[in-house]
Amino acid sequence: MTTIINAILAINPDAQVCVEGDGVDKIRWENGTPVISNEDILAKQAELQADYDAKQYQRNRTKRPEDGGYPSIGDQLDDIYHNGLDGWKATIKAIKDANPKS
């Protein structure tokens, strides 16, 4: 879940704020930080969440190999040495097929 703080900092990386809870109702702007409208914050939060959700396949592919992700670079090089590039490509293709792009 993308937080309100993530959204604020994506809009203004220098923002100094305190957020109580999960909503935009209790944001305290500190040290002269310009106020960002609630609508802009919520729109940015939705944008960041959509981007995060769209890249789930990337996170799945980078899991540990036993969880269906890519092997370590060392293991991939070992695979190439023992099985050639075609064997390595088959291993990588199976992972990509199991975790397709959206």
PDB file of N, CA and C in Angstrom:
ATOM      1  N   MET A   1       0.845  -1.182   0.000  1.00  0.00           N
ATOM      2  CA  MET A   1       0.000   0.000   0.000  1.00  0.00           C
ATOM      3  C   MET A   1       0.885   1.239   0.000  1.00  0.00           C
ATOM      4  N   THR A   2       0.626   2.123  -0.927  1.00  0.00           N
ATOM      5  CA  THR A   2       1.349   3.383  -0.991  1.00  0.00           C
ATOM      6  C   THR A   2       0.762   4.332   0.043  1.00  0.00           C
ATOM      7  N   THR A   3       1.606   4.934   0.844  1.00  0.00           N
ATOM      8  CA  THR A   3       1.139   5.779   1.939  1.00  0.00           C
ATOM      9  C   THR A   3       0.976   7.231   1.509  1.00  0.00           C
ATOM     10  N   ILE A   4       0.304   7.982   2.366  1.00  0.00           N
ATOM     11  CA  ILE A   4       0.142   9.417   2.159  1.00  0.00           C
ATOM     12  C   ILE A   4       1.517  10.089   2.125  1.00  0.00           C
ATOM     13  N   ILE A   5       2.405   9.680   3.010  1.00  0.00           N
ATOM     14  CA  ILE A   5       3.759  10.245   3.043  1.00  0.00           C
ATOM     15  C   ILE A   5       4.480   9.991   1.723  1.00  0.00           C
ATOM     16  N   ASN A   6       4.366   8.765   1.174  1.00  0.00           N
ATOM     17  CA  ASN A   6       4.987   8.474  -0.117  1.00  0.00           C
ATOM     18  C   ASN A   6       4.492   9.427  -1.193  1.00  0.00           C
ATOM     19  N   ALA A   7       3.180   9.668  -1.195  1.00  0.00           N
ATOM     20  CA  ALA A   7       2.594  10.560  -2.196  1.00  0.00           C
ATOM     21  C   ALA A   7       3.092  11.980  -2.021  1.00  0.00           C
ATOM     22  N   ILE A   8       3.113  12.470  -0.792  1.00  0.00           N
ATOM     23  CA  ILE A   8       3.584  13.836  -0.530  1.00  0.00           C
ATOM     24  C   ILE A   8       5.036  13.987  -0.971  1.00  0.00           C
ATOM     25  N   LEU A   9       5.873  13.030  -0.610  1.00  0.00           N
ATOM     26  CA  LEU A   9       7.293  13.125  -0.956  1.00  0.00           C
ATOM     27  C   LEU A   9       7.536  12.949  -2.450  1.00  0.00           C
ATOM     28  N   ALA A  10       6.643  12.252  -3.143  1.00  0.00           N
ATOM     29  CA  ALA A  10       6.765  12.148  -4.599  1.00  0.00           C
ATOM     30  C   ALA A  10       6.461  13.492  -5.256  1.00  0.00           C
ATOM     31  N   ILE A  11       5.560  14.252  -4.662  1.00  0.00           N
ATOM     32  CA  ILE A  11       5.221  15.581  -5.175  1.00  0.00           C
ATOM     33  C   ILE A  11       6.290  16.594  -4.776  1.00  0.00           C
ATOM     34  N   ASN A  12       6.691  16.554  -3.506  1.00  0.00           N
ATOM     35  CA  ASN A  12       7.685  17.499  -2.984  1.00  0.00           C
ATOM     36  C   ASN A  12       8.675  16.733  -2.099  1.00  0.00           C
ATOM     37  N   PRO A  13       9.816  16.326  -2.674  1.00  0.00           N
ATOM     38  CA  PRO A  13      10.786  15.538  -1.905  1.00  0.00           C
ATOM     39  C   PRO A  13      11.332  16.245  -0.668  1.00  0.00           C
ATOM     40  N   ASP A  14      11.208  17.560  -0.613  1.00  0.00           N
ATOM     41  CA  ASP A  14      11.722  18.312   0.529  1.00  0.00           C
ATOM     42  C   ASP A  14      10.662  18.595   1.585  1.00  0.00           C
ATOM     43  N   ALA A  15       9.458  18.073   1.385  1.00  0.00           N
ATOM     44  CA  ALA A  15       8.351  18.353   2.308  1.00  0.00           C
ATOM     45  C   ALA A  15       8.682  17.859   3.711  1.00  0.00           C
ATOM     46  N   GLN A  16       8.275  18.648   4.687  1.00  0.00           N
ATOM     47  CA  GLN A  16       8.398  18.265   6.084  1.00  0.00           C
ATOM     48  C   GLN A  16       6.984  18.254   6.655  1.00  0.00           C
ATOM     49  N   VAL A  17       6.500  17.049   6.910  1.00  0.00           N
ATOM     50  CA  VAL A  17       5.117  16.881   7.359  1.00  0.00           C
ATOM     51  C   VAL A  17       5.038  15.809   8.433  1.00  0.00           C
ATOM     52  N   CYS A  18       3.931  15.846   9.125  1.00  0.00           N
ATOM     53  CA  CYS A  18       3.590  14.797  10.075  1.00  0.00           C
ATOM     54  C   CYS A  18       2.178  14.349   9.709  1.00  0.00           C
ATOM     55  N   VAL A  19       1.996  13.047   9.531  1.00  0.00           N
ATOM     56  CA  VAL A  19       0.682  12.515   9.175  1.00  0.00           C
ATOM     57  C   VAL A  19       0.249  11.568  10.281  1.00  0.00           C
ATOM     58  N   GLU A  20      -0.919  11.826  10.822  1.00  0.00           N
ATOM     59  CA  GLU A  20      -1.474  10.956  11.859  1.00  0.00           C
ATOM     60  C   GLU A  20      -2.529  10.070  11.201  1.00  0.00           C
ATOM     61  N   GLY A  21      -2.304   8.774  11.199  1.00  0.00           N
ATOM     62  CA  GLY A  21      -3.249   7.844  10.595  1.00  0.00           C
ATOM     63  C   GLY A  21      -3.002   7.679   9.111  1.00  0.00           C
ATOM     64  N   ASP A  22      -4.029   7.151   8.431  1.00  0.00           N
ATOM     65  CA  ASP A  22      -3.899   6.818   7.019  1.00  0.00           C
ATOM     66  C   ASP A  22      -4.537   7.838   6.082  1.00  0.00           C
ATOM     67  N   GLY A  23      -5.213   8.828   6.618  1.00  0.00           N
ATOM     68  CA  GLY A  23      -5.944   9.748   5.769  1.00  0.00           C
ATOM     69  C   GLY A  23      -5.261  11.094   5.610  1.00  0.00           C
ATOM     70  N   VAL A  24      -5.828  11.903   4.726  1.00  0.00           N
ATOM     71  CA  VAL A  24      -5.277  13.232   4.478  1.00  0.00           C
ATOM     72  C   VAL A  24      -5.850  14.264   5.432  1.00  0.00           C
ATOM     73  N   ASP A  25      -6.719  13.838   6.329  1.00  0.00           N
ATOM     74  CA  ASP A  25      -7.389  14.766   7.242  1.00  0.00           C
ATOM     75  C   ASP A  25      -6.474  15.303   8.337  1.00  0.00           C
ATOM     76  N   LYS A  26      -5.426  14.573   8.656  1.00  0.00           N
ATOM     77  CA  LYS A  26      -4.575  14.985   9.775  1.00  0.00           C
ATOM     78  C   LYS A  26      -3.121  15.117   9.341  1.00  0.00           C
ATOM     79  N   ILE A  27      -2.901  16.009   8.380  1.00  0.00           N
ATOM     80  CA  ILE A  27      -1.547  16.308   7.934  1.00  0.00           C
ATOM     81  C   ILE A  27      -1.136  17.633   8.574  1.00  0.00           C
ATOM     82  N   ARG A  28       0.030  17.625   9.178  1.00  0.00           N
ATOM     83  CA  ARG A  28       0.572  18.853   9.761  1.00  0.00           C
ATOM     84  C   ARG A  28       1.800  19.244   8.932  1.00  0.00           C
ATOM     85  N   TRP A  29       1.694  20.387   8.267  1.00  0.00           N
ATOM     86  CA  TRP A  29       2.779  20.891   7.435  1.00  0.00           C
ATOM     87  C   TRP A  29       3.746  21.662   8.330  1.00  0.00           C
ATOM     88  N   GLU A  30       5.020  21.314   8.258  1.00  0.00           N
ATOM     89  CA  GLU A  30       5.990  21.899   9.174  1.00  0.00           C
ATOM     90  C   GLU A  30       7.068  22.687   8.436  1.00  0.00           C
ATOM     91  N   ASN A  31       7.676  23.614   9.172  1.00  0.00           N
ATOM     92  CA  ASN A  31       8.834  24.393   8.714  1.00  0.00           C
ATOM     93  C   ASN A  31       8.598  25.091   7.385  1.00  0.00           C
ATOM     94  N   GLY A  32       7.394  25.601   7.196  1.00  0.00           N
ATOM     95  CA  GLY A  32       7.098  26.389   6.001  1.00  0.00           C
ATOM     96  C   GLY A  32       6.892  25.590   4.736  1.00  0.00           C
ATOM     97  N   THR A  33       6.713  24.286   4.871  1.00  0.00           N
ATOM     98  CA  THR A  33       6.456  23.468   3.685  1.00  0.00           C
ATOM     99  C   THR A  33       5.146  23.905   3.044  1.00  0.00           C
ATOM    100  N   PRO A  34       5.166  24.166   1.729  1.00  0.00           N
ATOM    101  CA  PRO A  34       3.931  24.565   1.061  1.00  0.00           C
ATOM    102  C   PRO A  34       2.888  23.448   1.146  1.00  0.00           C
ATOM    103  N   VAL A  35       1.649  23.844   1.398  1.00  0.00           N
ATOM    104  CA  VAL A  35       0.551  22.880   1.514  1.00  0.00           C
ATOM    105  C   VAL A  35       0.207  22.338   0.136  1.00  0.00           C
ATOM    106  N   ILE A  36       0.028  21.024   0.056  1.00  0.00           N
ATOM    107  CA  ILE A  36      -0.410  20.348  -1.166  1.00  0.00           C
ATOM    108  C   ILE A  36      -1.871  19.969  -0.951  1.00  0.00           C
ATOM    109  N   SER A  37      -2.694  20.199  -1.942  1.00  0.00           N
ATOM    110  CA  SER A  37      -4.123  19.918  -1.775  1.00  0.00           C
ATOM    111  C   SER A  37      -4.361  18.428  -1.554  1.00  0.00           C
ATOM    112  N   ASN A  38      -5.423  18.121  -0.813  1.00  0.00           N
ATOM    113  CA  ASN A  38      -5.790  16.727  -0.553  1.00  0.00           C
ATOM    114  C   ASN A  38      -6.035  15.983  -1.863  1.00  0.00           C
ATOM    115  N   GLU A  39      -6.650  16.654  -2.832  1.00  0.00           N
ATOM    116  CA  GLU A  39      -6.941  16.023  -4.120  1.00  0.00           C
ATOM    117  C   GLU A  39      -5.653  15.633  -4.840  1.00  0.00           C
ATOM    118  N   ASP A  40      -4.667  16.523  -4.818  1.00  0.00           N
ATOM    119  CA  ASP A  40      -3.387  16.222  -5.468  1.00  0.00           C
ATOM    120  C   ASP A  40      -2.671  15.070  -4.765  1.00  0.00           C
ATOM    121  N   ILE A  41      -2.743  15.054  -3.445  1.00  0.00           N
ATOM    122  CA  ILE A  41      -2.099  13.975  -2.685  1.00  0.00           C
ATOM    123  C   ILE A  41      -2.768  12.640  -3.003  1.00  0.00           C
ATOM    124  N   LEU A  42      -4.089  12.604  -2.988  1.00  0.00           N
ATOM    125  CA  LEU A  42      -4.804  11.352  -3.259  1.00  0.00           C
ATOM    126  C   LEU A  42      -4.602  10.888  -4.698  1.00  0.00           C
ATOM    127  N   ALA A  43      -4.548  11.830  -5.642  1.00  0.00           N
ATOM    128  CA  ALA A  43      -4.299  11.470  -7.036  1.00  0.00           C
ATOM    129  C   ALA A  43      -2.904  10.871  -7.191  1.00  0.00           C
ATOM    130  N   LYS A  44      -1.914  11.471  -6.540  1.00  0.00           N
ATOM    131  CA  LYS A  44      -0.542  10.955  -6.608  1.00  0.00           C
ATOM    132  C   LYS A  44      -0.447   9.592  -5.930  1.00  0.00           C
ATOM    133  N   GLN A  45      -1.168   9.418  -4.810  1.00  0.00           N
ATOM    134  CA  GLN A  45      -1.177   8.135  -4.116  1.00  0.00           C
ATOM    135  C   GLN A  45      -1.747   7.053  -5.029  1.00  0.00           C
ATOM    136  N   ALA A  46      -2.838   7.351  -5.722  1.00  0.00           N
ATOM    137  CA  ALA A  46      -3.447   6.382  -6.638  1.00  0.00           C
ATOM    138  C   ALA A  46      -2.503   6.065  -7.799  1.00  0.00           C
ATOM    139  N   GLU A  47      -1.823   7.082  -8.304  1.00  0.00           N
ATOM    140  CA  GLU A  47      -0.860   6.884  -9.395  1.00  0.00           C
ATOM    141  C   GLU A  47       0.291   5.983  -8.957  1.00  0.00           C
ATOM    142  N   LEU A  48       0.843   6.262  -7.781  1.00  0.00           N
ATOM    143  CA  LEU A  48       1.948   5.444  -7.267  1.00  0.00           C
ATOM    144  C   LEU A  48       1.508   4.005  -7.010  1.00  0.00           C
ATOM    145  N   GLN A  49       0.297   3.826  -6.469  1.00  0.00           N
ATOM    146  CA  GLN A  49      -0.207   2.481  -6.199  1.00  0.00           C
ATOM    147  C   GLN A  49      -0.416   1.711  -7.496  1.00  0.00           C
ATOM    148  N   ALA A  50      -0.952   2.373  -8.523  1.00  0.00           N
ATOM    149  CA  ALA A  50      -1.168   1.720  -9.815  1.00  0.00           C
ATOM    150  C   ALA A  50       0.164   1.284 -10.428  1.00  0.00           C
ATOM    151  N   ASP A  51       1.176   2.137 -10.308  1.00  0.00           N
ATOM    152  CA  ASP A  51       2.502   1.797 -10.817  1.00  0.00           C
ATOM    153  C   ASP A  51       3.082   0.606 -10.052  1.00  0.00           C
ATOM    154  N   TYR A  52       2.932   0.628  -8.733  1.00  0.00           N
ATOM    155  CA  TYR A  52       3.411  -0.481  -7.898  1.00  0.00           C
ATOM    156  C   TYR A  52       2.707  -1.789  -8.279  1.00  0.00           C
ATOM    157  N   ASP A  53       1.391  -1.734  -8.439  1.00  0.00           N
ATOM    158  CA  ASP A  53       0.622  -2.930  -8.780  1.00  0.00           C
ATOM    159  C   ASP A  53       1.004  -3.464 -10.158  1.00  0.00           C
ATOM    160  N   ALA A  54       1.266  -2.567 -11.098  1.00  0.00           N
ATOM    161  CA  ALA A  54       1.601  -2.970 -12.459  1.00  0.00           C
ATOM    162  C   ALA A  54       2.947  -3.682 -12.537  1.00  0.00           C
ATOM    163  N   LYS A  55       3.786  -3.497 -11.530  1.00  0.00           N
ATOM    164  CA  LYS A  55       5.119  -4.107 -11.546  1.00  0.00           C
ATOM    165  C   LYS A  55       5.233  -5.323 -10.633  1.00  0.00           C
ATOM    166  N   GLN A  56       4.101  -5.911 -10.281  1.00  0.00           N
ATOM    167  CA  GLN A  56       4.124  -7.104  -9.428  1.00  0.00           C
ATOM    168  C   GLN A  56       4.935  -8.227 -10.077  1.00  0.00           C
ATOM    169  N   TYR A  57       4.819  -8.370 -11.398  1.00  0.00           N
ATOM    170  CA  TYR A  57       5.560  -9.425 -12.079  1.00  0.00           C
ATOM    171  C   TYR A  57       7.063  -9.286 -11.848  1.00  0.00           C
ATOM    172  N   GLN A  58       7.570  -8.052 -11.770  1.00  0.00           N
ATOM    173  CA  GLN A  58       8.996  -7.841 -11.525  1.00  0.00           C
ATOM    174  C   GLN A  58       9.385  -8.347 -10.142  1.00  0.00           C
ATOM    175  N   ARG A  59       8.553  -8.047  -9.166  1.00  0.00           N
ATOM    176  CA  ARG A  59       8.857  -8.504  -7.807  1.00  0.00           C
ATOM    177  C   ARG A  59       8.781 -10.028  -7.735  1.00  0.00           C
ATOM    178  N   ASN A  60       7.856 -10.632  -8.449  1.00  0.00           N
ATOM    179  CA  ASN A  60       7.750 -12.089  -8.453  1.00  0.00           C
ATOM    180  C   ASN A  60       8.984 -12.724  -9.077  1.00  0.00           C
ATOM    181  N   ARG A  61       9.490 -12.127 -10.144  1.00  0.00           N
ATOM    182  CA  ARG A  61      10.654 -12.687 -10.828  1.00  0.00           C
ATOM    183  C   ARG A  61      11.923 -12.565  -9.992  1.00  0.00           C
ATOM    184  N   THR A  62      11.983 -11.626  -9.085  1.00  0.00           N
ATOM    185  CA  THR A  62      13.201 -11.447  -8.305  1.00  0.00           C
ATOM    186  C   THR A  62      13.150 -12.150  -6.952  1.00  0.00           C
ATOM    187  N   LYS A  63      12.139 -12.969  -6.738  1.00  0.00           N
ATOM    188  CA  LYS A  63      12.074 -13.772  -5.516  1.00  0.00           C
ATOM    189  C   LYS A  63      13.206 -14.797  -5.523  1.00  0.00           C
ATOM    190  N   ARG A  64      13.346 -15.489  -4.416  1.00  0.00           N
ATOM    191  CA  ARG A  64      14.315 -16.579  -4.347  1.00  0.00           C
ATOM    192  C   ARG A  64      13.934 -17.646  -5.373  1.00  0.00           C
ATOM    193  N   PRO A  65      14.915 -18.338  -5.944  1.00  0.00           N
ATOM    194  CA  PRO A  65      14.613 -19.361  -6.958  1.00  0.00           C
ATOM    195  C   PRO A  65      13.614 -20.409  -6.481  1.00  0.00           C
ATOM    196  N   GLU A  66      13.703 -20.806  -5.217  1.00  0.00           N
ATOM    197  CA  GLU A  66      12.768 -21.824  -4.717  1.00  0.00           C
ATOM    198  C   GLU A  66      11.334 -21.297  -4.636  1.00  0.00           C
ATOM    199  N   ASP A  67      11.182 -19.970  -4.730  1.00  0.00           N
ATOM    200  CA  ASP A  67       9.848 -19.356  -4.741  1.00  0.00           C
ATOM    201  C   ASP A  67       9.424 -18.958  -6.147  1.00  0.00           C
ATOM    202  N   GLY A  68      10.182 -19.406  -7.151  1.00  0.00           N
ATOM    203  CA  GLY A  68       9.807 -19.136  -8.535  1.00  0.00           C
ATOM    204  C   GLY A  68      10.510 -17.958  -9.176  1.00  0.00           C
ATOM    205  N   GLY A  69      11.545 -17.431  -8.533  1.00  0.00           N
ATOM    206  CA  GLY A  69      12.261 -16.273  -9.086  1.00  0.00           C
ATOM    207  C   GLY A  69      13.523 -16.684  -9.818  1.00  0.00           C
ATOM    208  N   TYR A  70      14.226 -15.685 -10.332  1.00  0.00           N
ATOM    209  CA  TYR A  70      15.469 -15.928 -11.054  1.00  0.00           C
ATOM    210  C   TYR A  70      16.531 -16.520 -10.133  1.00  0.00           C
ATOM    211  N   PRO A  71      17.347 -17.434 -10.664  1.00  0.00           N
ATOM    212  CA  PRO A  71      18.498 -17.909  -9.892  1.00  0.00           C
ATOM    213  C   PRO A  71      19.523 -16.787  -9.727  1.00  0.00           C
ATOM    214  N   SER A  72      20.442 -16.963  -8.794  1.00  0.00           N
ATOM    215  CA  SER A  72      21.521 -15.987  -8.622  1.00  0.00           C
ATOM    216  C   SER A  72      22.364 -15.949  -9.899  1.00  0.00           C
ATOM    217  N   ILE A  73      23.121 -14.880 -10.058  1.00  0.00           N
ATOM    218  CA  ILE A  73      23.987 -14.760 -11.240  1.00  0.00           C
ATOM    219  C   ILE A  73      24.949 -15.950 -11.310  1.00  0.00           C
ATOM    220  N   GLY A  74      25.516 -16.324 -10.164  1.00  0.00           N
ATOM    221  CA  GLY A  74      26.426 -17.474 -10.149  1.00  0.00           C
ATOM    222  C   GLY A  74      25.749 -18.743 -10.633  1.00  0.00           C
ATOM    223  N   ASP A  75      24.527 -18.976 -10.177  1.00  0.00           N
ATOM    224  CA  ASP A  75      23.792 -20.165 -10.614  1.00  0.00           C
ATOM    225  C   ASP A  75      23.444 -20.083 -12.100  1.00  0.00           C
ATOM    226  N   GLN A  76      23.155 -18.876 -12.579  1.00  0.00           N
ATOM    227  CA  GLN A  76      22.857 -18.730 -14.001  1.00  0.00           C
ATOM    228  C   GLN A  76      24.098 -19.009 -14.851  1.00  0.00           C
ATOM    229  N   LEU A  77      25.253 -18.526 -14.400  1.00  0.00           N
ATOM    230  CA  LEU A  77      26.491 -18.807 -15.127  1.00  0.00           C
ATOM    231  C   LEU A  77      26.807 -20.303 -15.114  1.00  0.00           C
ATOM    232  N   ASP A  78      26.559 -20.942 -13.987  1.00  0.00           N
ATOM    233  CA  ASP A  78      26.756 -22.388 -13.891  1.00  0.00           C
ATOM    234  C   ASP A  78      25.814 -23.124 -14.850  1.00  0.00           C
ATOM    235  N   ASP A  79      24.579 -22.642 -14.947  1.00  0.00           N
ATOM    236  CA  ASP A  79      23.601 -23.222 -15.873  1.00  0.00           C
ATOM    237  C   ASP A  79      24.094 -23.087 -17.310  1.00  0.00           C
ATOM    238  N   ILE A  80      24.631 -21.922 -17.659  1.00  0.00           N
ATOM    239  CA  ILE A  80      25.164 -21.716 -19.010  1.00  0.00           C
ATOM    240  C   ILE A  80      26.332 -22.664 -19.261  1.00  0.00           C
ATOM    241  N   TYR A  81      27.214 -22.799 -18.283  1.00  0.00           N
ATOM    242  CA  TYR A  81      28.381 -23.679 -18.442  1.00  0.00           C
ATOM    243  C   TYR A  81      27.948 -25.129 -18.669  1.00  0.00           C
ATOM    244  N   HIS A  82      26.982 -25.602 -17.876  1.00  0.00           N
ATOM    245  CA  HIS A  82      26.583 -27.007 -17.962  1.00  0.00           C
ATOM    246  C   HIS A  82      25.557 -27.289 -19.061  1.00  0.00           C
ATOM    247  N   ASN A  83      24.694 -26.351 -19.353  1.00  0.00           N
ATOM    248  CA  ASN A  83      23.581 -26.612 -20.275  1.00  0.00           C
ATOM    249  C   ASN A  83      23.596 -25.729 -21.522  1.00  0.00           C
ATOM    250  N   GLY A  84      24.561 -24.835 -21.631  1.00  0.00           N
ATOM    251  CA  GLY A  84      24.641 -23.946 -22.783  1.00  0.00           C
ATOM    252  C   GLY A  84      23.612 -22.830 -22.699  1.00  0.00           C
ATOM    253  N   LEU A  85      23.715 -21.929 -23.647  1.00  0.00           N
ATOM    254  CA  LEU A  85      22.810 -20.785 -23.654  1.00  0.00           C
ATOM    255  C   LEU A  85      21.358 -21.198 -23.843  1.00  0.00           C
ATOM    256  N   ASP A  86      21.126 -22.228 -24.656  1.00  0.00           N
ATOM    257  CA  ASP A  86      19.742 -22.659 -24.886  1.00  0.00           C
ATOM    258  C   ASP A  86      19.104 -23.205 -23.611  1.00  0.00           C
ATOM    259  N   GLY A  87      19.868 -23.947 -22.812  1.00  0.00           N
ATOM    260  CA  GLY A  87      19.347 -24.451 -21.542  1.00  0.00           C
ATOM    261  C   GLY A  87      19.062 -23.316 -20.567  1.00  0.00           C
ATOM    262  N   TRP A  88      19.981 -22.347 -20.522  1.00  0.00           N
ATOM    263  CA  TRP A  88      19.788 -21.172 -19.661  1.00  0.00           C
ATOM    264  C   TRP A  88      18.565 -20.375 -20.085  1.00  0.00           C
ATOM    265  N   LYS A  89      18.431 -20.171 -21.406  1.00  0.00           N
ATOM    266  CA  LYS A  89      17.270 -19.428 -21.917  1.00  0.00           C
ATOM    267  C   LYS A  89      15.967 -20.132 -21.547  1.00  0.00           C
ATOM    268  N   ALA A  90      15.968 -21.453 -21.585  1.00  0.00           N
ATOM    269  CA  ALA A  90      14.757 -22.207 -21.227  1.00  0.00           C
ATOM    270  C   ALA A  90      14.402 -21.983 -19.759  1.00  0.00           C
ATOM    271  N   THR A  91      15.410 -21.946 -18.892  1.00  0.00           N
ATOM    272  CA  THR A  91      15.173 -21.688 -17.468  1.00  0.00           C
ATOM    273  C   THR A  91      14.569 -20.302 -17.265  1.00  0.00           C
ATOM    274  N   ILE A  92      15.161 -19.300 -17.895  1.00  0.00           N
ATOM    275  CA  ILE A  92      14.689 -17.924 -17.755  1.00  0.00           C
ATOM    276  C   ILE A  92      13.301 -17.762 -18.361  1.00  0.00           C
ATOM    277  N   LYS A  93      13.070 -18.399 -19.515  1.00  0.00           N
ATOM    278  CA  LYS A  93      11.755 -18.308 -20.164  1.00  0.00           C
ATOM    279  C   LYS A  93      10.669 -18.897 -19.275  1.00  0.00           C
ATOM    280  N   ALA A  94      10.966 -20.000 -18.598  1.00  0.00           N
ATOM    281  CA  ALA A  94       9.977 -20.618 -17.710  1.00  0.00           C
ATOM    282  C   ALA A  94       9.588 -19.660 -16.576  1.00  0.00           C
ATOM    283  N   ILE A  95      10.562 -18.935 -16.045  1.00  0.00           N
ATOM    284  CA  ILE A  95      10.279 -17.965 -14.979  1.00  0.00           C
ATOM    285  C   ILE A  95       9.449 -16.805 -15.517  1.00  0.00           C
ATOM    286  N   LYS A  96       9.821 -16.314 -16.698  1.00  0.00           N
ATOM    287  CA  LYS A  96       9.063 -15.220 -17.305  1.00  0.00           C
ATOM    288  C   LYS A  96       7.643 -15.664 -17.651  1.00  0.00           C
ATOM    289  N   ASP A  97       7.487 -16.881 -18.155  1.00  0.00           N
ATOM    290  CA  ASP A  97       6.155 -17.383 -18.501  1.00  0.00           C
ATOM    291  C   ASP A  97       5.282 -17.536 -17.247  1.00  0.00           C
ATOM    292  N   ALA A  98       5.905 -17.921 -16.143  1.00  0.00           N
ATOM    293  CA  ALA A  98       5.162 -18.095 -14.891  1.00  0.00           C
ATOM    294  C   ALA A  98       4.785 -16.758 -14.270  1.00  0.00           C
ATOM    295  N   ASN A  99       5.505 -15.680 -14.630  1.00  0.00           N
ATOM    296  CA  ASN A  99       5.270 -14.342 -14.085  1.00  0.00           C
ATOM    297  C   ASN A  99       5.213 -13.333 -15.232  1.00  0.00           C
ATOM    298  N   PRO A 100       4.155 -13.384 -16.065  1.00  0.00           N
ATOM    299  CA  PRO A 100       4.086 -12.502 -17.234  1.00  0.00           C
ATOM    300  C   PRO A 100       3.853 -11.051 -16.865  1.00  0.00           C
ATOM    301  N   LYS A 101       4.277 -10.177 -17.781  1.00  0.00           N
ATOM    302  CA  LYS A 101       3.967  -8.752 -17.625  1.00  0.00           C
ATOM    303  C   LYS A 101       2.471  -8.591 -17.736  1.00  0.00           C
ATOM    304  N   SER A 102       1.933  -7.596 -17.061  1.00  0.00           N
ATOM    305  CA  SER A 102       0.497  -7.354 -17.109  1.00  0.00           C
ATOM    306  C   SER A 102       0.064  -6.915 -18.473  1.00  0.00           C
TER     307      SER A 102
END
